[in-house]
Structures are given as C-alpha cells and as structure tokens.
Amino acid sequence: MNLQNYFFPIEERSVAVHNGQTEPSDFENPLPSSYKAIVRADTNQTISIVRDTYKIVENEDLVKKLMYELIH
C-alpha cells in the first residue's frame, strides 16, 4: 500500500483577507490572532482555517501509529 501521496508537509500561517479593491498584499486585513491557516507547504494550498487551539498532527504520524497498532 503506497500512502506517500498523503505524506506532504504542512504548516501554520497567519490569515488575512483581501479587501477586493487594491492589489493583495501580505496581511492586508489580518483576521484576529485566534485564527490560523493550515497550509500544504509544498503547494501553498490552504487546507483549512482553524482556531489557534487547533493542533497539527502530520498524516504520516497517524498512519505509522495506526499501522503499529494493527500489526501488534
């Protein structure tokens, strides 16, 4: 079973909203600091906008733990 397509790097980033009138700039209209974006680091694709209490768990870590439990 090849799961490598699901083992991509992710990171947390600050969230901002474009005002729709000017050229976008970094952090033009930042959201409250209680939110963050979860982004796929290799493609810059936003996965989700979450509260700052959300904890990232890498897919690879979950799969390894699951496989260990299934084998043992």
Protein backbone atom coordinates (compact mmCIF):
# COMPACT_ATOMS: atom_id res chain seq x y z
CA MET A 1 0.00 0.00 0.00
CA ASN A 2 1.57 3.28 -1.13
CA LEU A 3 0.49 6.22 1.02
CA GLN A 4 3.26 8.63 0.04
CA ASN A 5 0.80 11.00 -1.68
CA TYR A 6 -0.71 11.67 1.75
CA PHE A 7 2.61 12.46 3.46
CA PHE A 8 3.03 16.10 2.48
CA PRO A 9 4.48 18.91 4.59
CA ILE A 10 2.03 21.23 6.33
CA GLU A 11 2.49 24.44 8.24
CA GLU A 12 0.56 27.08 10.14
CA ARG A 13 0.26 30.60 8.72
CA SER A 14 -1.42 33.83 9.72
CA VAL A 15 -4.69 34.61 7.97
CA ALA A 16 -5.55 37.79 6.07
CA VAL A 17 -8.46 38.77 3.83
CA HIS A 18 -8.17 40.72 0.57
CA ASN A 19 -10.38 43.83 0.51
CA GLY A 20 -11.29 43.32 -3.17
CA GLN A 21 -10.27 46.83 -4.18
CA THR A 22 -6.48 47.01 -4.28
CA GLU A 23 -3.68 44.64 -5.15
CA PRO A 24 -3.39 41.95 -2.47
CA SER A 25 -0.57 42.37 -0.01
CA ASP A 26 0.60 40.22 2.83
CA PHE A 27 -1.58 40.70 5.90
CA GLU A 28 -3.68 43.42 4.30
CA ASN A 29 -6.65 42.76 6.58
CA PRO A 30 -5.49 40.28 9.19
CA LEU A 31 -8.07 38.19 10.97
CA PRO A 32 -7.96 38.09 14.76
CA SER A 33 -4.95 36.22 16.05
CA SER A 34 -7.25 33.49 17.37
CA TYR A 35 -7.31 32.03 13.82
CA LYS A 36 -4.65 30.46 11.64
CA ALA A 37 -4.42 28.78 8.27
CA ILE A 38 -3.26 25.21 7.82
CA VAL A 39 -1.39 25.18 4.51
CA ARG A 40 0.20 22.50 2.41
CA ALA A 41 3.79 23.80 2.39
CA ASP A 42 4.83 22.28 -0.95
CA THR A 43 1.91 23.72 -2.96
CA ASN A 44 0.73 26.65 -0.78
CA GLN A 45 -2.77 25.15 -0.90
CA THR A 46 -4.91 26.18 2.07
CA ILE A 47 -6.30 23.10 3.78
CA SER A 48 -8.34 24.83 6.46
CA ILE A 49 -8.81 27.94 8.60
CA VAL A 50 -8.86 26.93 12.25
CA ARG A 51 -8.82 28.39 15.75
CA ASP A 52 -5.42 28.89 17.32
CA THR A 53 -6.12 25.99 19.70
CA TYR A 54 -6.04 23.51 16.80
CA LYS A 55 -3.01 21.23 16.92
CA ILE A 56 -1.43 19.87 13.76
CA VAL A 57 -0.89 16.15 13.51
CA GLU A 58 1.06 15.01 10.47
CA ASN A 59 -0.67 12.35 8.34
CA GLU A 60 2.47 10.24 8.41
CA ASP A 61 2.46 10.16 12.23
CA LEU A 62 -1.15 8.99 12.31
CA VAL A 63 -0.59 6.30 9.71
CA LYS A 64 2.54 4.98 11.45
CA LYS A 65 0.69 4.72 14.78
CA LEU A 66 -2.27 3.03 13.14
CA MET A 67 -0.07 0.53 11.30
CA TYR A 68 1.80 -0.26 14.51
CA GLU A 69 -1.47 -0.93 16.35
CA LEU A 70 -2.77 -3.12 13.55
CA ILE A 71 0.39 -5.22 13.46
CA HIS A 72 0.90 -5.62 17.21
